[in-house]
Amino acid sequence: TSRPLKAVLITKKEEIPELWQELAELHTTLCSFGMVRHVHESILQNFSVRVETLPRILLIGSRSAPPFVYEGPLKLENISTFINDAVQGGSACVELRKQLEGSKGETVTLRRELAESKRAMQVQKDQAELARREQVGALESTVKSLQSQLKAACAGAGNEMQ
């Protein structure tokens, strides 16, 4: 069987990571798997990879096409999806998945911001309601005081007339 892609893990680790072994077992029919240590500077330069950005996963097809660079979380499911997308749909599929994940991330961020705004608005609403209740309480107290003063003044005025 022909495997159109080569999956390459560029890493600082000495040993093959368990995740990489699991991926190789899962996708053995789709692509070949290899690992390159960061000490191979010429390979890093060839793929424009800097040591600070490691680990890096590349899927290499033909020599003429640039490799697919995985940029998501280092989780089995996410990397498996990336490999499947690259094998089944090529760069168009990989790019669409990247856009989809970016949009999902923006949606999560916007929902979080919306929830925070709602909470802040509720706090402001509660504070405004409390302030209005305090004003009403103060006005009711003023009304009672004025009613008492009026009653006393009117009772005193009646006594003056007699």
N, C-alpha and C. Protein backbone atom coordinates (compact mmCIF):
# COMPACT_ATOMS: atom_id res chain seq x y z
N THR A 1 0.83 -1.20 0.00
CA THR A 1 0.00 0.00 0.00
C THR A 1 0.87 1.26 0.00
N SER A 2 0.44 2.21 -0.78
CA SER A 2 1.16 3.48 -0.87
C SER A 2 0.62 4.43 0.18
N ARG A 3 1.53 5.06 0.91
CA ARG A 3 1.13 6.04 1.91
C ARG A 3 1.58 7.40 1.41
N PRO A 4 0.60 8.25 1.04
CA PRO A 4 0.94 9.51 0.37
C PRO A 4 1.65 10.54 1.25
N LEU A 5 1.51 10.43 2.53
CA LEU A 5 2.10 11.43 3.41
C LEU A 5 3.09 10.83 4.39
N LYS A 6 4.00 11.69 4.82
CA LYS A 6 4.94 11.31 5.87
C LYS A 6 4.70 12.27 7.03
N ALA A 7 4.38 11.71 8.19
CA ALA A 7 4.18 12.52 9.38
C ALA A 7 5.50 12.60 10.12
N VAL A 8 5.94 13.82 10.39
CA VAL A 8 7.24 14.02 11.04
C VAL A 8 7.03 14.83 12.32
N LEU A 9 7.50 14.27 13.41
CA LEU A 9 7.49 14.98 14.69
C LEU A 9 8.89 15.55 14.90
N ILE A 10 8.97 16.85 15.04
CA ILE A 10 10.26 17.48 15.35
C ILE A 10 10.18 17.86 16.83
N THR A 11 11.12 17.33 17.60
CA THR A 11 11.01 17.47 19.05
C THR A 11 12.38 17.60 19.72
N LYS A 12 12.34 17.99 21.00
CA LYS A 12 13.55 18.04 21.82
C LYS A 12 13.70 16.74 22.62
N LYS A 13 12.67 15.93 22.64
CA LYS A 13 12.68 14.71 23.46
C LYS A 13 13.62 13.66 22.88
N GLU A 14 14.18 12.87 23.80
CA GLU A 14 15.08 11.77 23.41
C GLU A 14 14.27 10.57 22.93
N GLU A 15 13.22 10.25 23.69
CA GLU A 15 12.42 9.05 23.41
C GLU A 15 11.22 9.41 22.54
N ILE A 16 10.70 8.41 21.85
CA ILE A 16 9.50 8.61 21.04
C ILE A 16 8.32 8.76 22.00
N PRO A 17 7.60 9.87 21.93
CA PRO A 17 6.46 10.07 22.83
C PRO A 17 5.36 9.02 22.60
N GLU A 18 4.70 8.67 23.67
CA GLU A 18 3.63 7.66 23.61
C GLU A 18 2.54 8.11 22.65
N LEU A 19 2.21 9.37 22.67
CA LEU A 19 1.19 9.90 21.76
C LEU A 19 1.57 9.65 20.31
N TRP A 20 2.83 9.85 19.98
CA TRP A 20 3.31 9.66 18.61
C TRP A 20 3.21 8.18 18.22
N GLN A 21 3.51 7.30 19.16
CA GLN A 21 3.39 5.87 18.90
C GLN A 21 1.93 5.47 18.66
N GLU A 22 1.04 6.03 19.47
CA GLU A 22 -0.40 5.76 19.29
C GLU A 22 -0.87 6.23 17.92
N LEU A 23 -0.44 7.42 17.53
CA LEU A 23 -0.83 7.95 16.22
C LEU A 23 -0.31 7.06 15.09
N ALA A 24 0.91 6.61 15.22
CA ALA A 24 1.50 5.74 14.19
C ALA A 24 0.71 4.44 14.06
N GLU A 25 0.31 3.88 15.19
CA GLU A 25 -0.49 2.65 15.15
C GLU A 25 -1.86 2.90 14.53
N LEU A 26 -2.46 4.01 14.90
CA LEU A 26 -3.80 4.36 14.40
C LEU A 26 -3.81 4.61 12.90
N HIS A 27 -2.78 5.27 12.39
CA HIS A 27 -2.78 5.74 11.00
C HIS A 27 -1.70 5.08 10.15
N THR A 28 -1.32 3.89 10.52
CA THR A 28 -0.26 3.19 9.81
C THR A 28 -0.56 2.99 8.33
N THR A 29 -1.84 2.90 7.97
CA THR A 29 -2.19 2.70 6.56
C THR A 29 -2.26 4.03 5.79
N LEU A 30 -2.33 5.15 6.51
CA LEU A 30 -2.48 6.45 5.85
C LEU A 30 -1.16 7.14 5.57
N CYS A 31 -0.22 7.02 6.50
CA CYS A 31 1.04 7.72 6.31
C CYS A 31 2.17 7.05 7.09
N SER A 32 3.37 7.40 6.71
CA SER A 32 4.56 6.93 7.42
C SER A 32 4.83 7.90 8.56
N PHE A 33 5.43 7.41 9.62
CA PHE A 33 5.71 8.25 10.78
C PHE A 33 7.21 8.26 11.06
N GLY A 34 7.71 9.43 11.41
CA GLY A 34 9.11 9.56 11.76
C GLY A 34 9.27 10.65 12.81
N MET A 35 10.45 10.69 13.38
CA MET A 35 10.75 11.68 14.41
C MET A 35 12.14 12.25 14.15
N VAL A 36 12.25 13.57 14.30
CA VAL A 36 13.52 14.25 14.12
C VAL A 36 13.80 15.03 15.39
N ARG A 37 14.99 14.87 15.92
CA ARG A 37 15.37 15.63 17.12
C ARG A 37 15.87 17.01 16.72
N HIS A 38 15.75 17.93 17.62
CA HIS A 38 16.10 19.32 17.37
C HIS A 38 17.58 19.55 17.03
N VAL A 39 18.42 18.57 17.27
CA VAL A 39 19.84 18.73 16.99
C VAL A 39 20.15 18.69 15.50
N HIS A 40 19.21 18.27 14.69
CA HIS A 40 19.40 18.22 13.23
C HIS A 40 19.02 19.58 12.65
N GLU A 41 19.92 20.52 12.81
CA GLU A 41 19.66 21.92 12.45
C GLU A 41 19.31 22.10 10.97
N SER A 42 19.93 21.32 10.11
CA SER A 42 19.66 21.49 8.67
C SER A 42 18.21 21.13 8.35
N ILE A 43 17.67 20.13 9.02
CA ILE A 43 16.26 19.76 8.79
C ILE A 43 15.35 20.86 9.31
N LEU A 44 15.64 21.38 10.50
CA LEU A 44 14.85 22.47 11.05
C LEU A 44 14.87 23.67 10.10
N GLN A 45 16.04 24.00 9.57
CA GLN A 45 16.15 25.12 8.64
C GLN A 45 15.37 24.85 7.35
N ASN A 46 15.46 23.63 6.87
CA ASN A 46 14.78 23.25 5.64
C ASN A 46 13.27 23.47 5.74
N PHE A 47 12.70 23.23 6.93
CA PHE A 47 11.25 23.38 7.12
C PHE A 47 10.90 24.66 7.88
N SER A 48 11.87 25.56 8.02
CA SER A 48 11.66 26.85 8.70
C SER A 48 11.08 26.67 10.10
N VAL A 49 11.64 25.73 10.84
CA VAL A 49 11.20 25.46 12.21
C VAL A 49 12.26 25.97 13.18
N ARG A 50 11.83 26.72 14.17
CA ARG A 50 12.74 27.20 15.20
C ARG A 50 12.61 26.32 16.44
N VAL A 51 13.69 26.14 17.14
CA VAL A 51 13.72 25.27 18.32
C VAL A 51 12.68 25.73 19.35
N GLU A 52 12.48 27.05 19.47
CA GLU A 52 11.53 27.58 20.47
C GLU A 52 10.10 27.15 20.20
N THR A 53 9.79 26.75 18.95
CA THR A 53 8.41 26.40 18.60
C THR A 53 8.13 24.90 18.74
N LEU A 54 9.10 24.14 19.21
CA LEU A 54 8.93 22.68 19.30
C LEU A 54 8.06 22.30 20.48
N PRO A 55 7.37 21.19 20.41
CA PRO A 55 7.34 20.21 19.32
C PRO A 55 6.52 20.72 18.14
N ARG A 56 6.85 20.21 16.97
CA ARG A 56 6.17 20.56 15.72
C ARG A 56 5.83 19.28 14.98
N ILE A 57 4.64 19.26 14.39
CA ILE A 57 4.23 18.11 13.58
C ILE A 57 4.03 18.61 12.16
N LEU A 58 4.71 17.94 11.24
CA LEU A 58 4.59 18.26 9.82
C LEU A 58 4.08 17.05 9.07
N LEU A 59 3.22 17.28 8.10
CA LEU A 59 2.82 16.22 7.17
C LEU A 59 3.39 16.61 5.82
N ILE A 60 4.25 15.75 5.31
CA ILE A 60 4.95 16.05 4.08
C ILE A 60 4.41 15.16 2.97
N GLY A 61 3.99 15.80 1.90
CA GLY A 61 3.49 15.07 0.73
C GLY A 61 4.58 15.02 -0.31
N SER A 62 4.37 15.76 -1.37
CA SER A 62 5.39 15.81 -2.42
C SER A 62 6.47 16.83 -2.05
N ARG A 63 7.60 16.72 -2.68
CA ARG A 63 8.71 17.64 -2.40
C ARG A 63 8.39 19.06 -2.86
N SER A 64 7.52 19.17 -3.85
CA SER A 64 7.23 20.49 -4.40
C SER A 64 6.23 21.27 -3.55
N ALA A 65 5.37 20.56 -2.82
CA ALA A 65 4.36 21.25 -2.01
C ALA A 65 4.89 21.49 -0.59
N PRO A 66 4.51 22.63 -0.01
CA PRO A 66 4.94 22.86 1.37
C PRO A 66 4.26 21.86 2.30
N PRO A 67 4.88 21.54 3.42
CA PRO A 67 4.27 20.58 4.34
C PRO A 67 3.05 21.20 5.04
N PHE A 68 2.16 20.33 5.48
CA PHE A 68 1.06 20.76 6.33
C PHE A 68 1.64 20.86 7.74
N VAL A 69 1.40 21.98 8.39
CA VAL A 69 1.93 22.19 9.74
C VAL A 69 0.77 22.11 10.71
N TYR A 70 0.87 21.20 11.67
CA TYR A 70 -0.17 21.08 12.69
C TYR A 70 0.04 22.15 13.75
N GLU A 71 -1.04 22.87 14.07
CA GLU A 71 -0.93 23.97 15.02
C GLU A 71 -1.89 23.86 16.20
N GLY A 72 -2.55 22.73 16.34
CA GLY A 72 -3.55 22.59 17.40
C GLY A 72 -2.99 21.97 18.66
N PRO A 73 -3.91 21.61 19.57
CA PRO A 73 -3.49 20.98 20.83
C PRO A 73 -2.88 19.60 20.57
N LEU A 74 -1.94 19.23 21.41
CA LEU A 74 -1.26 17.94 21.24
C LEU A 74 -2.10 16.85 21.90
N LYS A 75 -3.21 16.53 21.24
CA LYS A 75 -4.13 15.50 21.71
C LYS A 75 -4.39 14.54 20.57
N LEU A 76 -4.56 13.29 20.92
CA LEU A 76 -4.73 12.23 19.93
C LEU A 76 -5.86 12.54 18.93
N GLU A 77 -7.01 12.90 19.44
CA GLU A 77 -8.17 13.14 18.58
C GLU A 77 -7.92 14.29 17.60
N ASN A 78 -7.34 15.38 18.09
CA ASN A 78 -7.10 16.55 17.23
C ASN A 78 -6.08 16.25 16.14
N ILE A 79 -5.01 15.57 16.51
CA ILE A 79 -3.97 15.26 15.52
C ILE A 79 -4.49 14.23 14.52
N SER A 80 -5.27 13.27 14.99
CA SER A 80 -5.87 12.27 14.09
C SER A 80 -6.76 12.94 13.05
N THR A 81 -7.56 13.89 13.49
CA THR A 81 -8.43 14.63 12.57
C THR A 81 -7.59 15.37 11.54
N PHE A 82 -6.50 15.98 11.99
CA PHE A 82 -5.59 16.70 11.10
C PHE A 82 -5.03 15.75 10.03
N ILE A 83 -4.58 14.58 10.45
CA ILE A 83 -4.02 13.60 9.51
C ILE A 83 -5.09 13.16 8.51
N ASN A 84 -6.27 12.83 9.01
CA ASN A 84 -7.36 12.41 8.12
C ASN A 84 -7.73 13.50 7.12
N ASP A 85 -7.81 14.74 7.60
CA ASP A 85 -8.13 15.86 6.71
C ASP A 85 -7.08 15.98 5.61
N ALA A 86 -5.81 15.90 5.98
CA ALA A 86 -4.73 16.06 5.01
C ALA A 86 -4.75 14.93 3.98
N VAL A 87 -4.99 13.71 4.43
CA VAL A 87 -5.00 12.56 3.51
C VAL A 87 -6.22 12.62 2.60
N GLN A 88 -7.38 12.91 3.18
CA GLN A 88 -8.62 12.84 2.40
C GLN A 88 -8.89 14.08 1.55
N GLY A 89 -8.55 15.25 2.08
CA GLY A 89 -8.91 16.46 1.35
C GLY A 89 -7.77 17.39 1.01
N GLY A 90 -6.59 17.07 1.46
CA GLY A 90 -5.44 17.91 1.15
C GLY A 90 -5.50 19.27 1.81
N SER A 91 -4.82 20.21 1.18
CA SER A 91 -4.68 21.53 1.80
C SER A 91 -6.01 22.25 1.97
N ALA A 92 -6.94 22.05 1.03
CA ALA A 92 -8.25 22.71 1.15
C ALA A 92 -8.96 22.25 2.42
N CYS A 93 -8.93 20.97 2.67
CA CYS A 93 -9.59 20.42 3.85
C CYS A 93 -8.89 20.87 5.13
N VAL A 94 -7.58 20.85 5.13
CA VAL A 94 -6.81 21.29 6.30
C VAL A 94 -7.10 22.76 6.60
N GLU A 95 -7.12 23.58 5.55
CA GLU A 95 -7.37 25.02 5.74
C GLU A 95 -8.79 25.27 6.24
N LEU A 96 -9.76 24.55 5.68
CA LEU A 96 -11.15 24.72 6.15
C LEU A 96 -11.29 24.30 7.60
N ARG A 97 -10.62 23.22 7.99
CA ARG A 97 -10.67 22.77 9.38
C ARG A 97 -10.07 23.84 10.29
N LYS A 98 -8.97 24.44 9.85
CA LYS A 98 -8.31 25.49 10.62
C LYS A 98 -9.27 26.67 10.82
N GLN A 99 -9.97 27.04 9.74
CA GLN A 99 -10.94 28.13 9.82
C GLN A 99 -12.10 27.77 10.75
N LEU A 100 -12.55 26.52 10.63
CA LEU A 100 -13.65 26.05 11.49
C LEU A 100 -13.25 26.12 12.95
N GLU A 101 -12.07 25.62 13.28
CA GLU A 101 -11.61 25.64 14.67
C GLU A 101 -11.41 27.07 15.16
N GLY A 102 -10.91 27.94 14.29
CA GLY A 102 -10.76 29.35 14.65
C GLY A 102 -12.11 29.99 14.94
N SER A 103 -13.09 29.69 14.10
CA SER A 103 -14.43 30.24 14.31
C SER A 103 -15.05 29.71 15.59
N LYS A 104 -14.83 28.43 15.86
CA LYS A 104 -15.34 27.85 17.11
C LYS A 104 -14.72 28.57 18.31
N GLY A 105 -13.42 28.81 18.23
CA GLY A 105 -12.72 29.50 19.31
C GLY A 105 -13.26 30.91 19.51
N GLU A 106 -13.51 31.61 18.41
CA GLU A 106 -14.07 32.96 18.50
C GLU A 106 -15.47 32.92 19.11
N THR A 107 -16.25 31.91 18.73
CA THR A 107 -17.60 31.76 19.28
C THR A 107 -17.55 31.56 20.78
N VAL A 108 -16.66 30.71 21.23
CA VAL A 108 -16.51 30.48 22.68
C VAL A 108 -16.13 31.78 23.39
N THR A 109 -15.18 32.50 22.81
CA THR A 109 -14.74 33.77 23.40
C THR A 109 -15.90 34.77 23.46
N LEU A 110 -16.63 34.91 22.36
CA LEU A 110 -17.75 35.85 22.34
C LEU A 110 -18.85 35.46 23.33
N ARG A 111 -19.11 34.16 23.44
CA ARG A 111 -20.13 33.71 24.41
C ARG A 111 -19.69 34.02 25.83
N ARG A 112 -18.42 33.83 26.10
CA ARG A 112 -17.88 34.14 27.43
C ARG A 112 -18.02 35.63 27.71
N GLU A 113 -17.65 36.46 26.72
CA GLU A 113 -17.77 37.91 26.87
C GLU A 113 -19.22 38.33 27.07
N LEU A 114 -20.14 37.70 26.32
CA LEU A 114 -21.55 38.00 26.46
C LEU A 114 -22.05 37.65 27.87
N ALA A 115 -21.65 36.50 28.37
CA ALA A 115 -22.06 36.09 29.72
C ALA A 115 -21.51 37.06 30.76
N GLU A 116 -20.26 37.50 30.57
CA GLU A 116 -19.66 38.47 31.50
C GLU A 116 -20.41 39.80 31.44
N SER A 117 -20.78 40.23 30.23
CA SER A 117 -21.54 41.47 30.07
C SER A 117 -22.90 41.36 30.75
N LYS A 118 -23.55 40.21 30.58
CA LYS A 118 -24.86 40.01 31.23
C LYS A 118 -24.72 40.08 32.75
N ARG A 119 -23.66 39.43 33.28
CA ARG A 119 -23.45 39.48 34.73
C ARG A 119 -23.20 40.91 35.20
N ALA A 120 -22.39 41.64 34.46
CA ALA A 120 -22.08 43.03 34.82
C ALA A 120 -23.34 43.88 34.76
N MET A 121 -24.16 43.67 33.73
CA MET A 121 -25.41 44.42 33.61
C MET A 121 -26.35 44.08 34.77
N GLN A 122 -26.39 42.82 35.16
CA GLN A 122 -27.25 42.41 36.27
C GLN A 122 -26.79 43.07 37.57
N VAL A 123 -25.48 43.13 37.77
CA VAL A 123 -24.94 43.79 38.97
C VAL A 123 -25.35 45.26 38.97
N GLN A 124 -25.19 45.93 37.82
CA GLN A 124 -25.58 47.34 37.72
C GLN A 124 -27.07 47.51 37.96
N LYS A 125 -27.87 46.61 37.40
CA LYS A 125 -29.32 46.67 37.59
C LYS A 125 -29.67 46.50 39.06
N ASP A 126 -29.03 45.53 39.71
CA ASP A 126 -29.28 45.29 41.13
C ASP A 126 -28.88 46.50 41.96
N GLN A 127 -27.74 47.11 41.63
CA GLN A 127 -27.29 48.29 42.36
C GLN A 127 -28.24 49.46 42.16
N ALA A 128 -28.72 49.65 40.93
CA ALA A 128 -29.67 50.73 40.64
C ALA A 128 -30.98 50.50 41.38
N GLU A 129 -31.44 49.27 41.42
CA GLU A 129 -32.68 48.95 42.13
C GLU A 129 -32.52 49.22 43.62
N LEU A 130 -31.38 48.84 44.17
CA LEU A 130 -31.12 49.10 45.59
C LEU A 130 -31.09 50.59 45.88
N ALA A 131 -30.46 51.36 44.99
CA ALA A 131 -30.41 52.82 45.16
C ALA A 131 -31.81 53.41 45.09
N ARG A 132 -32.66 52.95 44.16
CA ARG A 132 -34.03 53.44 44.06
C ARG A 132 -34.83 53.08 45.31
N ARG A 133 -34.64 51.88 45.84
CA ARG A 133 -35.35 51.48 47.06
C ARG A 133 -34.93 52.38 48.24
N GLU A 134 -33.63 52.68 48.29
CA GLU A 134 -33.15 53.56 49.35
C GLU A 134 -33.76 54.96 49.19
N GLN A 135 -33.88 55.45 47.95
CA GLN A 135 -34.50 56.75 47.69
C GLN A 135 -35.97 56.73 48.09
N VAL A 136 -36.67 55.67 47.73
CA VAL A 136 -38.08 55.54 48.08
C VAL A 136 -38.23 55.53 49.60
N GLY A 137 -37.36 54.76 50.27
CA GLY A 137 -37.40 54.71 51.74
C GLY A 137 -37.17 56.08 52.34
N ALA A 138 -36.20 56.82 51.81
CA ALA A 138 -35.91 58.16 52.32
C ALA A 138 -37.09 59.10 52.06
N LEU A 139 -37.70 59.01 50.86
CA LEU A 139 -38.85 59.86 50.54
C LEU A 139 -40.06 59.51 51.41
N GLU A 140 -40.28 58.22 51.65
CA GLU A 140 -41.40 57.83 52.52
C GLU A 140 -41.20 58.37 53.92
N SER A 141 -39.97 58.35 54.40
CA SER A 141 -39.65 58.91 55.71
C SER A 141 -39.92 60.42 55.72
N THR A 142 -39.52 61.09 54.63
CA THR A 142 -39.77 62.54 54.51
C THR A 142 -41.26 62.82 54.50
N VAL A 143 -42.01 62.02 53.75
CA VAL A 143 -43.48 62.20 53.67
C VAL A 143 -44.10 62.05 55.06
N LYS A 144 -43.72 61.04 55.82
CA LYS A 144 -44.26 60.83 57.17
C LYS A 144 -43.92 62.01 58.07
N SER A 145 -42.69 62.48 57.96
CA SER A 145 -42.26 63.62 58.77
C SER A 145 -43.08 64.86 58.41
N LEU A 146 -43.27 65.10 57.11
CA LEU A 146 -44.06 66.26 56.68
C LEU A 146 -45.52 66.13 57.10
N GLN A 147 -46.05 64.89 57.03
CA GLN A 147 -47.44 64.67 57.48
C GLN A 147 -47.57 64.98 58.97
N SER A 148 -46.61 64.56 59.76
CA SER A 148 -46.63 64.84 61.20
C SER A 148 -46.54 66.34 61.44
N GLN A 149 -45.63 67.00 60.72
CA GLN A 149 -45.48 68.45 60.88
C GLN A 149 -46.76 69.17 60.48
N LEU A 150 -47.37 68.71 59.38
CA LEU A 150 -48.61 69.32 58.91
C LEU A 150 -49.72 69.13 59.93
N LYS A 151 -49.84 67.94 60.47
CA LYS A 151 -50.87 67.64 61.46
C LYS A 151 -50.65 68.52 62.69
N ALA A 152 -49.39 68.62 63.12
CA ALA A 152 -49.10 69.45 64.31
C ALA A 152 -49.38 70.92 64.02
N ALA A 153 -49.00 71.37 62.81
CA ALA A 153 -49.21 72.77 62.46
C ALA A 153 -50.69 73.09 62.36
N CYS A 154 -51.43 72.17 61.78
CA CYS A 154 -52.88 72.40 61.60
C CYS A 154 -53.57 72.34 62.96
N ALA A 155 -53.15 71.46 63.84
CA ALA A 155 -53.76 71.36 65.18
C ALA A 155 -53.45 72.63 65.96
N GLY A 156 -52.24 73.14 65.82
CA GLY A 156 -51.86 74.37 66.49
C GLY A 156 -52.61 75.57 65.92
N ALA A 157 -52.89 75.58 64.63
CA ALA A 157 -53.61 76.68 64.00
C ALA A 157 -55.05 76.70 64.46
N GLY A 158 -55.59 75.55 64.68
CA GLY A 158 -56.98 75.45 65.16
C GLY A 158 -57.08 76.02 66.56
N ASN A 159 -56.05 75.78 67.39
CA ASN A 159 -56.05 76.30 68.75
C ASN A 159 -55.93 77.82 68.74
N GLU A 160 -55.22 78.36 67.78
CA GLU A 160 -55.04 79.81 67.69
C GLU A 160 -56.34 80.48 67.33
N MET A 161 -57.20 79.81 66.57
CA MET A 161 -58.44 80.40 66.12
C MET A 161 -59.48 80.44 67.23
N GLN A 162 -59.31 79.63 68.20
CA GLN A 162 -60.34 79.58 69.24
C GLN A 162 -60.20 80.66 70.22
